PDB file of N, CA and C in Angstrom:
ATOM      1  N   MET A   1     134.378  83.663  97.323  1.00  0.00           N
ATOM      2  CA  MET A   1     135.321  83.931  98.535  1.00  0.00           C
ATOM      3  C   MET A   1     136.748  83.713  98.375  1.00  0.00           C
ATOM      4  N   ILE A   2     137.038  82.786  97.944  1.00  0.00           N
ATOM      5  CA  ILE A   2     138.246  82.287  97.800  1.00  0.00           C
ATOM      6  C   ILE A   2     139.171  83.369  96.894  1.00  0.00           C
ATOM      7  N   GLY A   3     138.754  83.385  95.632  1.00  0.00           N
ATOM      8  CA  GLY A   3     139.285  84.377  94.431  1.00  0.00           C
ATOM      9  C   GLY A   3     139.956  83.833  93.657  1.00  0.00           C
ATOM     10  N   GLN A   4     140.491  84.336  92.567  1.00  0.00           N
ATOM     11  CA  GLN A   4     141.233  83.694  91.495  1.00  0.00           C
ATOM     12  C   GLN A   4     142.044  85.103  90.874  1.00  0.00           C
ATOM     13  N   GLY A   5     143.023  84.810  89.932  1.00  0.00           N
ATOM     14  CA  GLY A   5     143.632  85.633  89.412  1.00  0.00           C
ATOM     15  C   GLY A   5     144.580  86.787  90.313  1.00  0.00           C
ATOM     16  N   ARG A   6     144.368  87.867  89.960  1.00  0.00           N
ATOM     17  CA  ARG A   6     145.382  88.743  90.725  1.00  0.00           C
ATOM     18  C   ARG A   6     144.513  88.757  92.394  1.00  0.00           C
ATOM     19  N   ILE A   7     143.702  88.171  92.677  1.00  0.00           N
ATOM     20  CA  ILE A   7     143.431  88.040  94.118  1.00  0.00           C
ATOM     21  C   ILE A   7     143.867  87.011  94.861  1.00  0.00           C
ATOM     22  N   LEU A   8     144.689  87.608  95.894  1.00  0.00           N
ATOM     23  CA  LEU A   8     145.681  86.577  96.532  1.00  0.00           C
ATOM     24  C   LEU A   8     145.221  86.528  98.008  1.00  0.00           C
ATOM     25  N   VAL A   9     145.585  85.414  98.915  1.00  0.00           N
ATOM     26  CA  VAL A   9     145.161  85.276 100.079  1.00  0.00           C
ATOM     27  C   VAL A   9     145.726  84.180 100.306  1.00  0.00           C
ATOM     28  N   SER A  10     146.338  84.138 101.891  1.00  0.00           N
ATOM     29  CA  SER A  10     147.271  83.015 102.402  1.00  0.00           C
ATOM     30  C   SER A  10     145.769  82.086 102.927  1.00  0.00           C
ATOM     31  N   PRO A  11     146.545  80.709 103.244  1.00  0.00           N
ATOM     32  CA  PRO A  11     145.653  79.352 103.994  1.00  0.00           C
ATOM     33  C   PRO A  11     145.176  80.188 105.024  1.00  0.00           C
ATOM     34  N   LEU A  12     146.318  80.713 105.761  1.00  0.00           N
ATOM     35  CA  LEU A  12     146.051  81.445 107.685  1.00  0.00           C
ATOM     36  C   LEU A  12     144.685  82.316 107.324  1.00  0.00           C
ATOM     37  N   ALA A  13     144.853  83.298 106.297  1.00  0.00           N
ATOM     38  CA  ALA A  13     143.815  84.065 106.246  1.00  0.00           C
ATOM     39  C   ALA A  13     142.355  83.717 106.031  1.00  0.00           C
ATOM     40  N   MET A  14     142.672  82.401 105.001  1.00  0.00           N
ATOM     41  CA  MET A  14     141.206  81.803 105.048  1.00  0.00           C
ATOM     42  C   MET A  14     140.909  81.040 106.215  1.00  0.00           C
ATOM     43  N   ALA A  15     141.484  80.418 107.006  1.00  0.00           N
ATOM     44  CA  ALA A  15     141.332  79.982 108.321  1.00  0.00           C
ATOM     45  C   ALA A  15     140.533  80.717 109.138  1.00  0.00           C
ATOM     46  N   GLY A  16     141.175  81.773 108.926  1.00  0.00           N
ATOM     47  CA  GLY A  16     140.647  83.324 109.882  1.00  0.00           C
ATOM     48  C   GLY A  16     138.923  83.205 109.313  1.00  0.00           C
ATOM     49  N   VAL A  17     138.712  83.314 107.964  1.00  0.00           N
ATOM     50  CA  VAL A  17     137.122  83.245 107.301  1.00  0.00           C
ATOM     51  C   VAL A  17     136.380  82.361 107.913  1.00  0.00           C
ATOM     52  N   ALA A  18     136.932  80.852 108.296  1.00  0.00           N
ATOM     53  CA  ALA A  18     136.061  79.869 108.555  1.00  0.00           C
ATOM     54  C   ALA A  18     136.100  80.065 110.333  1.00  0.00           C
ATOM     55  N   ALA A  19     137.001  80.635 110.967  1.00  0.00           N
ATOM     56  CA  ALA A  19     136.833  80.686 112.130  1.00  0.00           C
ATOM     57  C   ALA A  19     136.089  81.785 112.658  1.00  0.00           C
ATOM     58  N   THR A  20     135.850  82.875 111.465  1.00  0.00           N
ATOM     59  CA  THR A  20     134.601  84.063 111.875  1.00  0.00           C
ATOM     60  C   THR A  20     133.328  83.421 111.821  1.00  0.00           C
ATOM     61  N   VAL A  21     133.282  82.711 110.676  1.00  0.00           N
ATOM     62  CA  VAL A  21     131.975  82.105 110.801  1.00  0.00           C
ATOM     63  C   VAL A  21     131.604  81.182 111.795  1.00  0.00           C
ATOM     64  N   VAL A  22     132.608  80.172 112.368  1.00  0.00           N
ATOM     65  CA  VAL A  22     132.462  79.527 113.571  1.00  0.00           C
ATOM     66  C   VAL A  22     131.995  80.180 115.010  1.00  0.00           C
ATOM     67  N   ASP A  23     132.676  81.238 115.012  1.00  0.00           N
ATOM     68  CA  ASP A  23     132.721  82.029 116.246  1.00  0.00           C
ATOM     69  C   ASP A  23     131.863  83.269 116.218  1.00  0.00           C
ATOM     70  N   GLY A  24     131.580  83.569 115.028  1.00  0.00           N
ATOM     71  CA  GLY A  24     130.659  84.914 114.715  1.00  0.00           C
ATOM     72  C   GLY A  24     131.485  86.095 114.852  1.00  0.00           C
ATOM     73  N   ARG A  25     132.819  86.279 115.227  1.00  0.00           N
ATOM     74  CA  ARG A  25     133.429  87.763 114.841  1.00  0.00           C
ATOM     75  C   ARG A  25     134.735  86.954 114.705  1.00  0.00           C
ATOM     76  N   TRP A  26     135.713  88.064 113.749  1.00  0.00           N
ATOM     77  CA  TRP A  26     137.069  88.189 113.398  1.00  0.00           C
ATOM     78  C   TRP A  26     137.888  87.810 114.438  1.00  0.00           C
ATOM     79  N   HIS A  27     138.958  87.136 114.397  1.00  0.00           N
ATOM     80  CA  HIS A  27     139.807  86.923 115.447  1.00  0.00           C
ATOM     81  C   HIS A  27     141.097  86.951 114.698  1.00  0.00           C
ATOM     82  N   ALA A  28     142.256  88.068 115.253  1.00  0.00           N
ATOM     83  CA  ALA A  28     143.547  88.372 114.651  1.00  0.00           C
ATOM     84  C   ALA A  28     144.323  86.959 114.967  1.00  0.00           C
ATOM     85  N   PRO A  29     145.149  86.535 113.807  1.00  0.00           N
ATOM     86  CA  PRO A  29     145.714  85.357 114.249  1.00  0.00           C
ATOM     87  C   PRO A  29     146.621  85.662 115.304  1.00  0.00           C
ATOM     88  N   ARG A  30     147.159  85.093 116.507  1.00  0.00           N
ATOM     89  CA  ARG A  30     148.149  85.201 117.346  1.00  0.00           C
ATOM     90  C   ARG A  30     148.984  83.782 117.410  1.00  0.00           C
ATOM     91  N   VAL A  31     150.351  84.421 117.762  1.00  0.00           N
ATOM     92  CA  VAL A  31     151.295  83.666 118.122  1.00  0.00           C
ATOM     93  C   VAL A  31     151.331  83.194 119.448  1.00  0.00           C
ATOM     94  N   LEU A  32     150.914  84.495 120.492  1.00  0.00           N
ATOM     95  CA  LEU A  32     150.901  83.839 121.824  1.00  0.00           C
ATOM     96  C   LEU A  32     149.794  84.142 122.652  1.00  0.00           C
ATOM     97  N   ALA A  33     149.283  83.159 123.449  1.00  0.00           N
ATOM     98  CA  ALA A  33     148.056  83.388 124.008  1.00  0.00           C
ATOM     99  C   ALA A  33     147.702  84.746 124.502  1.00  0.00           C
ATOM    100  N   GLY A  34     148.570  85.395 125.139  1.00  0.00           N
ATOM    101  CA  GLY A  34     148.444  86.491 125.983  1.00  0.00           C
ATOM    102  C   GLY A  34     148.407  87.898 125.016  1.00  0.00           C
ATOM    103  N   ASP A  35     148.335  87.405 123.657  1.00  0.00           N
ATOM    104  CA  ASP A  35     148.482  88.844 122.731  1.00  0.00           C
ATOM    105  C   ASP A  35     147.436  89.530 123.102  1.00  0.00           C
ATOM    106  N   PRO A  36     147.289  91.180 123.285  1.00  0.00           N
ATOM    107  CA  PRO A  36     146.231  91.843 123.663  1.00  0.00           C
ATOM    108  C   PRO A  36     145.123  92.318 122.681  1.00  0.00           C
ATOM    109  N   ARG A  37     145.507  92.014 121.526  1.00  0.00           N
ATOM    110  CA  ARG A  37     144.466  92.153 120.375  1.00  0.00           C
ATOM    111  C   ARG A  37     143.052  91.886 120.965  1.00  0.00           C
ATOM    112  N   GLU A  38     142.057  92.607 120.610  1.00  0.00           N
ATOM    113  CA  GLU A  38     140.614  92.335 120.664  1.00  0.00           C
ATOM    114  C   GLU A  38     140.233  91.534 119.809  1.00  0.00           C
ATOM    115  N   ALA A  39     139.021  91.075 119.558  1.00  0.00           N
ATOM    116  CA  ALA A  39     138.044  90.309 118.371  1.00  0.00           C
ATOM    117  C   ALA A  39     137.473  91.484 118.212  1.00  0.00           C
ATOM    118  N   GLY A  40     137.437  91.211 116.605  1.00  0.00           N
ATOM    119  CA  GLY A  40     136.558  92.263 116.371  1.00  0.00           C
ATOM    120  C   GLY A  40     134.850  92.246 116.118  1.00  0.00           C
ATOM    121  N   PRO A  41     134.133  93.282 115.649  1.00  0.00           N
ATOM    122  CA  PRO A  41     132.648  93.195 116.329  1.00  0.00           C
ATOM    123  C   PRO A  41     132.128  91.811 115.815  1.00  0.00           C
ATOM    124  N   PRO A  42     130.970  91.442 116.289  1.00  0.00           N
ATOM    125  CA  PRO A  42     130.410  90.306 115.907  1.00  0.00           C
ATOM    126  C   PRO A  42     129.554  90.659 114.736  1.00  0.00           C
ATOM    127  N   LEU A  43     129.524  89.674 114.010  1.00  0.00           N
ATOM    128  CA  LEU A  43     128.746  89.898 112.504  1.00  0.00           C
ATOM    129  C   LEU A  43     127.161  89.818 113.039  1.00  0.00           C
ATOM    130  N   PRO A  44     126.507  90.547 112.025  1.00  0.00           N
ATOM    131  CA  PRO A  44     125.259  90.792 112.237  1.00  0.00           C
ATOM    132  C   PRO A  44     124.476  89.212 112.048  1.00  0.00           C
ATOM    133  N   ARG A  45     123.365  89.167 113.191  1.00  0.00           N
ATOM    134  CA  ARG A  45     122.995  87.715 113.072  1.00  0.00           C
ATOM    135  C   ARG A  45     122.323  87.116 112.333  1.00  0.00           C
ATOM    136  N   GLY A  46     121.834  87.939 111.278  1.00  0.00           N
ATOM    137  CA  GLY A  46     121.085  86.886 109.915  1.00  0.00           C
ATOM    138  C   GLY A  46     122.124  86.861 109.115  1.00  0.00           C
ATOM    139  N   GLU A  47     123.254  87.558 108.714  1.00  0.00           N
ATOM    140  CA  GLU A  47     124.478  87.496 108.013  1.00  0.00           C
ATOM    141  C   GLU A  47     125.181  86.127 108.629  1.00  0.00           C
ATOM    142  N   LEU A  48     125.393  85.982 109.641  1.00  0.00           N
ATOM    143  CA  LEU A  48     126.065  84.922 110.180  1.00  0.00           C
ATOM    144  C   LEU A  48     125.481  83.504 110.214  1.00  0.00           C
ATOM    145  N   ASP A  49     123.870  83.751 110.448  1.00  0.00           N
ATOM    146  CA  ASP A  49     122.938  82.600 110.396  1.00  0.00           C
ATOM    147  C   ASP A  49     123.100  82.005 108.645  1.00  0.00           C
ATOM    148  N   GLU A  50     122.919  82.770 107.926  1.00  0.00           N
ATOM    149  CA  GLU A  50     123.071  82.466 106.422  1.00  0.00           C
ATOM    150  C   GLU A  50     124.384  81.832 106.338  1.00  0.00           C
ATOM    151  N   LEU A  51     125.398  82.514 106.658  1.00  0.00           N
ATOM    152  CA  LEU A  51     126.882  81.678 106.434  1.00  0.00           C
ATOM    153  C   LEU A  51     127.004  80.517 106.813  1.00  0.00           C
ATOM    154  N   ARG A  52     126.529  80.435 107.935  1.00  0.00           N
ATOM    155  CA  ARG A  52     126.615  79.042 108.914  1.00  0.00           C
ATOM    156  C   ARG A  52     125.763  77.718 108.117  1.00  0.00           C
ATOM    157  N   SER A  53     124.460  78.438 107.978  1.00  0.00           N
ATOM    158  CA  SER A  53     123.477  77.399 106.881  1.00  0.00           C
ATOM    159  C   SER A  53     124.288  77.022 105.695  1.00  0.00           C
ATOM    160  N   MET A  54     124.957  78.029 105.077  1.00  0.00           N
ATOM    161  CA  MET A  54     125.138  77.547 103.407  1.00  0.00           C
ATOM    162  C   MET A  54     126.660  76.817 103.474  1.00  0.00           C
ATOM    163  N   MET A  55     127.568  77.073 104.848  1.00  0.00           N
ATOM    164  CA  MET A  55     128.662  76.449 104.939  1.00  0.00           C
ATOM    165  C   MET A  55     128.191  75.004 105.440  1.00  0.00           C
ATOM    166  N   ARG A  56     127.413  74.919 106.108  1.00  0.00           N
ATOM    167  CA  ARG A  56     126.756  73.593 106.529  1.00  0.00           C
ATOM    168  C   ARG A  56     126.201  72.984 105.741  1.00  0.00           C
ATOM    169  N   ASP A  57     125.706  73.450 104.518  1.00  0.00           N
ATOM    170  CA  ASP A  57     125.072  72.913 103.408  1.00  0.00           C
ATOM    171  C   ASP A  57     126.306  72.165 102.334  1.00  0.00           C
ATOM    172  N   VAL A  58     127.270  73.160 102.455  1.00  0.00           N
ATOM    173  CA  VAL A  58     128.370  72.285 101.808  1.00  0.00           C
ATOM    174  C   VAL A  58     128.936  70.958 101.993  1.00  0.00           C
ATOM    175  N   VAL A  59     128.946  71.202 103.384  1.00  0.00           N
ATOM    176  CA  VAL A  59     129.484  69.642 103.781  1.00  0.00           C
ATOM    177  C   VAL A  59     128.116  68.579 103.789  1.00  0.00           C
ATOM    178  N   THR A  60     126.773  68.863 104.260  1.00  0.00           N
ATOM    179  CA  THR A  60     125.735  67.716 104.147  1.00  0.00           C
ATOM    180  C   THR A  60     125.460  67.652 102.732  1.00  0.00           C
ATOM    181  N   SER A  61     125.650  68.255 101.816  1.00  0.00           N
ATOM    182  CA  SER A  61     124.981  68.265 100.231  1.00  0.00           C
ATOM    183  C   SER A  61     125.692  68.810  99.197  1.00  0.00           C
ATOM    184  N   GLY A  62     126.941  69.232  99.487  1.00  0.00           N
ATOM    185  CA  GLY A  62     127.737  69.774  98.226  1.00  0.00           C
ATOM    186  C   GLY A  62     129.058  69.349  98.143  1.00  0.00           C
ATOM    187  N   THR A  63     129.919  70.290  97.698  1.00  0.00           N
ATOM    188  CA  THR A  63     131.298  69.637  97.584  1.00  0.00           C
ATOM    189  C   THR A  63     131.956  69.294  98.678  1.00  0.00           C
ATOM    190  N   GLY A  64     131.807  69.564  99.855  1.00  0.00           N
ATOM    191  CA  GLY A  64     132.368  69.301 101.056  1.00  0.00           C
ATOM    192  C   GLY A  64     131.932  67.805 101.410  1.00  0.00           C
ATOM    193  N   THR A  65     131.434  67.328 101.168  1.00  0.00           N
ATOM    194  CA  THR A  65     130.422  65.806 101.594  1.00  0.00           C
ATOM    195  C   THR A  65     131.877  65.023 102.579  1.00  0.00           C
ATOM    196  N   ALA A  66     132.886  64.997 101.748  1.00  0.00           N
ATOM    197  CA  ALA A  66     134.079  64.282 102.710  1.00  0.00           C
ATOM    198  C   ALA A  66     134.244  64.418 104.298  1.00  0.00           C
ATOM    199  N   LEU A  67     133.716  65.616 104.751  1.00  0.00           N
ATOM    200  CA  LEU A  67     133.553  66.018 106.425  1.00  0.00           C
ATOM    201  C   LEU A  67     132.126  65.384 106.671  1.00  0.00           C
ATOM    202  N   ALA A  68     131.059  64.707 106.154  1.00  0.00           N
ATOM    203  CA  ALA A  68     129.729  64.776 106.552  1.00  0.00           C
ATOM    204  C   ALA A  68     130.006  63.571 107.585  1.00  0.00           C
ATOM    205  N   GLY A  69     130.950  62.529 107.551  1.00  0.00           N
ATOM    206  CA  GLY A  69     131.188  61.800 108.644  1.00  0.00           C
ATOM    207  C   GLY A  69     131.582  62.249 109.733  1.00  0.00           C
ATOM    208  N   VAL A  70     132.045  63.499 109.791  1.00  0.00           N
ATOM    209  CA  VAL A  70     133.095  64.054 110.863  1.00  0.00           C
ATOM    210  C   VAL A  70     132.098  64.451 112.200  1.00  0.00           C
ATOM    211  N   ALA A  71     132.196  64.071 113.272  1.00  0.00           N
ATOM    212  CA  ALA A  71     131.686  64.267 114.510  1.00  0.00           C
ATOM    213  C   ALA A  71     130.909  65.750 114.802  1.00  0.00           C
ATOM    214  N   GLY A  72     130.122  65.912 115.250  1.00  0.00           N
ATOM    215  CA  GLY A  72     129.638  67.534 115.820  1.00  0.00           C
ATOM    216  C   GLY A  72     128.729  67.838 114.088  1.00  0.00           C
ATOM    217  N   GLU A  73     129.311  69.077 114.010  1.00  0.00           N
ATOM    218  CA  GLU A  73     128.315  69.891 112.940  1.00  0.00           C
ATOM    219  C   GLU A  73     129.222  70.760 112.018  1.00  0.00           C
ATOM    220  N   PRO A  74     130.478  69.873 111.177  1.00  0.00           N
ATOM    221  CA  PRO A  74     131.513  70.927 110.844  1.00  0.00           C
ATOM    222  C   PRO A  74     130.822  71.828 109.682  1.00  0.00           C
ATOM    223  N   ILE A  75     131.498  72.931 109.559  1.00  0.00           N
ATOM    224  CA  ILE A  75     130.962  73.595 108.306  1.00  0.00           C
ATOM    225  C   ILE A  75     132.077  73.576 107.432  1.00  0.00           C
ATOM    226  N   GLY A  76     131.827  74.170 105.704  1.00  0.00           N
ATOM    227  CA  GLY A  76     133.010  74.223 104.924  1.00  0.00           C
ATOM    228  C   GLY A  76     132.733  74.924 103.836  1.00  0.00           C
ATOM    229  N   LYS A  77     133.803  75.142 103.151  1.00  0.00           N
ATOM    230  CA  LYS A  77     133.767  75.934 101.836  1.00  0.00           C
ATOM    231  C   LYS A  77     135.068  75.381 100.659  1.00  0.00           C
ATOM    232  N   SER A  78     134.037  74.890  99.556  1.00  0.00           N
ATOM    233  CA  SER A  78     135.676  74.647  98.808  1.00  0.00           C
ATOM    234  C   SER A  78     135.593  75.720  97.697  1.00  0.00           C
ATOM    235  N   GLY A  79     136.708  75.380  97.346  1.00  0.00           N
ATOM    236  CA  GLY A  79     137.376  76.214  96.101  1.00  0.00           C
ATOM    237  C   GLY A  79     138.503  75.886  95.333  1.00  0.00           C
ATOM    238  N   THR A  80     138.767  76.425  94.086  1.00  0.00           N
ATOM    239  CA  THR A  80     139.281  75.833  93.123  1.00  0.00           C
ATOM    240  C   THR A  80     140.132  77.481  92.422  1.00  0.00           C
ATOM    241  N   ALA A  81     141.436  77.533  92.822  1.00  0.00           N
ATOM    242  CA  ALA A  81     142.057  78.681  92.343  1.00  0.00           C
ATOM    243  C   ALA A  81     142.716  78.579  91.033  1.00  0.00           C
ATOM    244  N   GLU A  82     142.351  79.157  89.953  1.00  0.00           N
ATOM    245  CA  GLU A  82     143.236  79.296  88.706  1.00  0.00           C
ATOM    246  C   GLU A  82     144.507  79.955  89.126  1.00  0.00           C
ATOM    247  N   TYR A  83     145.389  79.711  88.208  1.00  0.00           N
ATOM    248  CA  TYR A  83     146.412  80.681  88.387  1.00  0.00           C
ATOM    249  C   TYR A  83     147.324  80.467  86.662  1.00  0.00           C
ATOM    250  N   GLY A  84     148.280  80.984  86.430  1.00  0.00           N
ATOM    251  CA  GLY A  84     149.161  81.110  85.202  1.00  0.00           C
ATOM    252  C   GLY A  84     148.091  81.501  84.041  1.00  0.00           C
ATOM    253  N   SER A  85     148.888  81.615  83.187  1.00  0.00           N
ATOM    254  CA  SER A  85     148.457  82.110  81.845  1.00  0.00           C
ATOM    255  C   SER A  85     147.987  80.521  80.925  1.00  0.00           C
ATOM    256  N   GLY A  86     147.846  79.600  81.357  1.00  0.00           N
ATOM    257  CA  GLY A  86     147.930  78.172  80.505  1.00  0.00           C
ATOM    258  C   GLY A  86     146.398  78.088  79.818  1.00  0.00           C
ATOM    259  N   ASP A  87     146.169  77.595  78.908  1.00  0.00           N
ATOM    260  CA  ASP A  87     144.706  77.471  78.581  1.00  0.00           C
ATOM    261  C   ASP A  87     144.250  76.053  78.279  1.00  0.00           C
ATOM    262  N   PRO A  88     143.487  75.303  79.398  1.00  0.00           N
ATOM    263  CA  PRO A  88     143.136  76.156  80.584  1.00  0.00           C
ATOM    264  C   PRO A  88     143.906  76.279  81.686  1.00  0.00           C
ATOM    265  N   PRO A  89     144.071  77.115  82.503  1.00  0.00           N
ATOM    266  CA  PRO A  89     144.800  77.643  83.573  1.00  0.00           C
ATOM    267  C   PRO A  89     144.892  76.589  84.671  1.00  0.00           C
ATOM    268  N   ARG A  90     146.160  76.463  85.132  1.00  0.00           N
ATOM    269  CA  ARG A  90     146.383  75.183  86.349  1.00  0.00           C
ATOM    270  C   ARG A  90     145.299  75.605  87.240  1.00  0.00           C
ATOM    271  N   THR A  91     145.318  74.630  88.443  1.00  0.00           N
ATOM    272  CA  THR A  91     144.388  75.203  89.647  1.00  0.00           C
ATOM    273  C   THR A  91     144.940  74.553  90.671  1.00  0.00           C
ATOM    274  N   HIS A  92     144.779  75.065  91.921  1.00  0.00           N
ATOM    275  CA  HIS A  92     145.297  74.763  93.484  1.00  0.00           C
ATOM    276  C   HIS A  92     143.866  74.231  94.017  1.00  0.00           C
ATOM    277  N   ALA A  93     143.759  73.317  94.540  1.00  0.00           N
ATOM    278  CA  ALA A  93     142.647  72.803  95.403  1.00  0.00           C
ATOM    279  C   ALA A  93     142.289  73.574  96.734  1.00  0.00           C
ATOM    280  N   TRP A  94     141.274  74.311  97.157  1.00  0.00           N
ATOM    281  CA  TRP A  94     141.396  74.813  98.445  1.00  0.00           C
ATOM    282  C   TRP A  94     140.015  74.099  99.112  1.00  0.00           C
ATOM    283  N   PHE A  95     140.169  73.998 100.483  1.00  0.00           N
ATOM    284  CA  PHE A  95     139.081  73.865 101.417  1.00  0.00           C
ATOM    285  C   PHE A  95     139.071  74.380 102.675  1.00  0.00           C
ATOM    286  N   ILE A  96     137.957  75.593 103.415  1.00  0.00           N
ATOM    287  CA  ILE A  96     138.269  75.764 104.517  1.00  0.00           C
ATOM    288  C   ILE A  96     137.106  75.039 105.509  1.00  0.00           C
ATOM    289  N   ALA A  97     137.536  74.673 106.660  1.00  0.00           N
ATOM    290  CA  ALA A  97     136.453  74.207 107.449  1.00  0.00           C
ATOM    291  C   ALA A  97     136.679  74.579 109.048  1.00  0.00           C
ATOM    292  N   GLY A  98     135.358  74.573 109.698  1.00  0.00           N
ATOM    293  CA  GLY A  98     135.410  74.866 111.013  1.00  0.00           C
ATOM    294  C   GLY A  98     134.483  74.023 111.567  1.00  0.00           C
ATOM    295  N   ARG A  99     134.827  73.839 112.956  1.00  0.00           N
ATOM    296  CA  ARG A  99     134.049  72.829 113.998  1.00  0.00           C
ATOM    297  C   ARG A  99     134.217  73.479 115.264  1.00  0.00           C
ATOM    298  N   ASP A 100     133.377  73.630 116.100  1.00  0.00           N
ATOM    299  CA  ASP A 100     133.713  74.007 117.887  1.00  0.00           C
ATOM    300  C   ASP A 100     134.711  74.939 117.898  1.00  0.00           C
ATOM    301  N   ASP A 101     135.511  75.139 118.474  1.00  0.00           N
ATOM    302  CA  ASP A 101     136.682  76.239 118.452  1.00  0.00           C
ATOM    303  C   ASP A 101     137.917  75.796 117.840  1.00  0.00           C
ATOM    304  N   VAL A 102     137.279  75.285 116.196  1.00  0.00           N
ATOM    305  CA  VAL A 102     138.494  74.671 115.690  1.00  0.00           C
ATOM    306  C   VAL A 102     138.384  75.217 114.065  1.00  0.00           C
ATOM    307  N   ALA A 103     139.273  75.825 113.526  1.00  0.00           N
ATOM    308  CA  ALA A 103     139.163  76.438 111.869  1.00  0.00           C
ATOM    309  C   ALA A 103     140.333  75.709 111.233  1.00  0.00           C
ATOM    310  N   VAL A 104     140.409  75.442 109.844  1.00  0.00           N
ATOM    311  CA  VAL A 104     141.371  74.948 109.299  1.00  0.00           C
ATOM    312  C   VAL A 104     141.342  75.349 107.679  1.00  0.00           C
ATOM    313  N   ALA A 105     142.328  75.370 107.133  1.00  0.00           N
ATOM    314  CA  ALA A 105     142.442  75.925 105.572  1.00  0.00           C
ATOM    315  C   ALA A 105     143.540  74.953 104.877  1.00  0.00           C
ATOM    316  N   VAL A 106     142.980  74.234 104.001  1.00  0.00           N
ATOM    317  CA  VAL A 106     143.728  73.364 103.308  1.00  0.00           C
ATOM    318  C   VAL A 106     143.940  73.898 102.198  1.00  0.00           C
ATOM    319  N   LEU A 107     145.223  73.920 101.278  1.00  0.00           N
ATOM    320  CA  LEU A 107     145.453  73.783 100.011  1.00  0.00           C
ATOM    321  C   LEU A 107     146.289  73.022  99.583  1.00  0.00           C
ATOM    322  N   VAL A 108     146.017  72.176  98.535  1.00  0.00           N
ATOM    323  CA  VAL A 108     146.401  71.530  97.580  1.00  0.00           C
ATOM    324  C   VAL A 108     146.649  71.882  96.399  1.00  0.00           C
ATOM    325  N   GLU A 109     148.100  72.162  96.195  1.00  0.00           N
ATOM    326  CA  GLU A 109     148.888  72.568  95.106  1.00  0.00           C
ATOM    327  C   GLU A 109     148.469  71.890  93.529  1.00  0.00           C
ATOM    328  N   ASP A 110     148.283  72.425  92.427  1.00  0.00           N
ATOM    329  CA  ASP A 110     148.403  71.659  91.482  1.00  0.00           C
ATOM    330  C   ASP A 110     147.100  70.885  91.100  1.00  0.00           C
ATOM    331  N   ARG A 111     145.842  70.822  91.871  1.00  0.00           N
ATOM    332  CA  ARG A 111     145.129  69.789  92.042  1.00  0.00           C
ATOM    333  C   ARG A 111     143.669  70.565  91.488  1.00  0.00           C
ATOM    334  N   PRO A 112     142.769  70.165  90.814  1.00  0.00           N
ATOM    335  CA  PRO A 112     141.458  70.714  90.349  1.00  0.00           C
ATOM    336  C   PRO A 112     140.680  70.674  91.193  1.00  0.00           C
ATOM    337  N   SER A 113     140.323  70.173  92.358  1.00  0.00           N
ATOM    338  CA  SER A 113     138.994  70.469  92.893  1.00  0.00           C
ATOM    339  C   SER A 113     138.977  70.133  94.449  1.00  0.00           C
ATOM    340  N   GLY A 114     138.612  71.342  95.192  1.00  0.00           N
ATOM    341  CA  GLY A 114     138.923  72.037  96.648  1.00  0.00           C
ATOM    342  C   GLY A 114     137.837  70.485  97.318  1.00  0.00           C
ATOM    343  N   GLY A 115     137.047  70.280  96.678  1.00  0.00           N
ATOM    344  CA  GLY A 115     135.865  69.239  97.499  1.00  0.00           C
ATOM    345  C   GLY A 115     136.573  67.716  97.098  1.00  0.00           C
ATOM    346  N   GLU A 116     137.616  67.580  95.828  1.00  0.00           N
ATOM    347  CA  GLU A 116     137.787  66.130  95.766  1.00  0.00           C
ATOM    348  C   GLU A 116     139.138  65.750  96.596  1.00  0.00           C
ATOM    349  N   TYR A 117     139.911  66.983  96.554  1.00  0.00           N
ATOM    350  CA  TYR A 117     141.218  66.727  97.269  1.00  0.00           C
ATOM    351  C   TYR A 117     141.654  67.346  98.581  1.00  0.00           C
ATOM    352  N   ALA A 118     141.247  68.701  98.773  1.00  0.00           N
ATOM    353  CA  ALA A 118     141.332  69.186 100.224  1.00  0.00           C
ATOM    354  C   ALA A 118     140.318  68.929 101.079  1.00  0.00           C
ATOM    355  N   ALA A 119     139.015  68.804 100.844  1.00  0.00           N
ATOM    356  CA  ALA A 119     138.045  68.543 101.714  1.00  0.00           C
ATOM    357  C   ALA A 119     138.542  67.281 102.449  1.00  0.00           C
ATOM    358  N   PRO A 120     138.961  66.105 101.877  1.00  0.00           N
ATOM    359  CA  PRO A 120     139.523  64.791 102.579  1.00  0.00           C
ATOM    360  C   PRO A 120     140.342  65.383 103.411  1.00  0.00           C
ATOM    361  N   VAL A 121     141.357  66.036 103.346  1.00  0.00           N
ATOM    362  CA  VAL A 121     142.315  66.617 104.401  1.00  0.00           C
ATOM    363  C   VAL A 121     141.807  67.115 105.390  1.00  0.00           C
ATOM    364  N   ALA A 122     141.031  68.131 105.297  1.00  0.00           N
ATOM    365  CA  ALA A 122     140.265  68.644 106.387  1.00  0.00           C
ATOM    366  C   ALA A 122     139.589  67.772 107.432  1.00  0.00           C
ATOM    367  N   ALA A 123     138.743  66.816 106.508  1.00  0.00           N
ATOM    368  CA  ALA A 123     138.206  65.754 107.127  1.00  0.00           C
ATOM    369  C   ALA A 123     139.132  64.676 108.250  1.00  0.00           C
ATOM    370  N   ARG A 124     140.272  64.520 107.597  1.00  0.00           N
ATOM    371  CA  ARG A 124     141.043  63.835 108.269  1.00  0.00           C
ATOM    372  C   ARG A 124     141.519  64.415 109.719  1.00  0.00           C
ATOM    373  N   PHE A 125     142.123  66.156 109.324  1.00  0.00           N
ATOM    374  CA  PHE A 125     142.470  67.145 110.348  1.00  0.00           C
ATOM    375  C   PHE A 125     141.533  66.579 111.278  1.00  0.00           C
ATOM    376  N   LEU A 126     140.066  66.902 111.298  1.00  0.00           N
ATOM    377  CA  LEU A 126     139.225  67.419 112.304  1.00  0.00           C
ATOM    378  C   LEU A 126     138.776  65.833 113.019  1.00  0.00           C
ATOM    379  N   ASP A 127     138.893  65.005 112.390  1.00  0.00           N
ATOM    380  CA  ASP A 127     138.468  63.557 112.702  1.00  0.00           C
ATOM    381  C   ASP A 127     139.766  63.210 113.988  1.00  0.00           C
ATOM    382  N   GLY A 128     140.925  63.929 113.790  1.00  0.00           N
ATOM    383  CA  GLY A 128     142.079  63.625 114.544  1.00  0.00           C
ATOM    384  C   GLY A 128     141.808  64.286 116.092  1.00  0.00           C
ATOM    385  N   LEU A 129     141.219  65.062 116.101  1.00  0.00           N
ATOM    386  CA  LEU A 129     141.004  66.371 117.262  1.00  0.00           C
ATOM    387  C   LEU A 129     140.637  65.018 118.564  1.00  0.00           C
TER     388      LEU A 129
END
């Protein structure tokens, strides 16, 4: 889902992925609340339920346990993106998360593990709300 190599994605786009799973439909990022763009179509119920369940499992028993103590039922997905031509390649740590009506993407450059480095940042963010 996060991609590697020639696949490029911004943290804002990945926060949108988490927000889509939280809300059940895609919402384009907006700078102004009055932006007239409409939300995308709802995700099929079966697919949405599976995504929510898998992303919840990441938090309860997977690489995102840094969020296990966050209030509510946050969801998340960790990632480690390889880049460059090194052997082994260098990596960036990723974590996307969502809870209630909030979604976040964390990218920690030059770190090896999204669960170890980026998930605790996401947990602190959600705890601070």
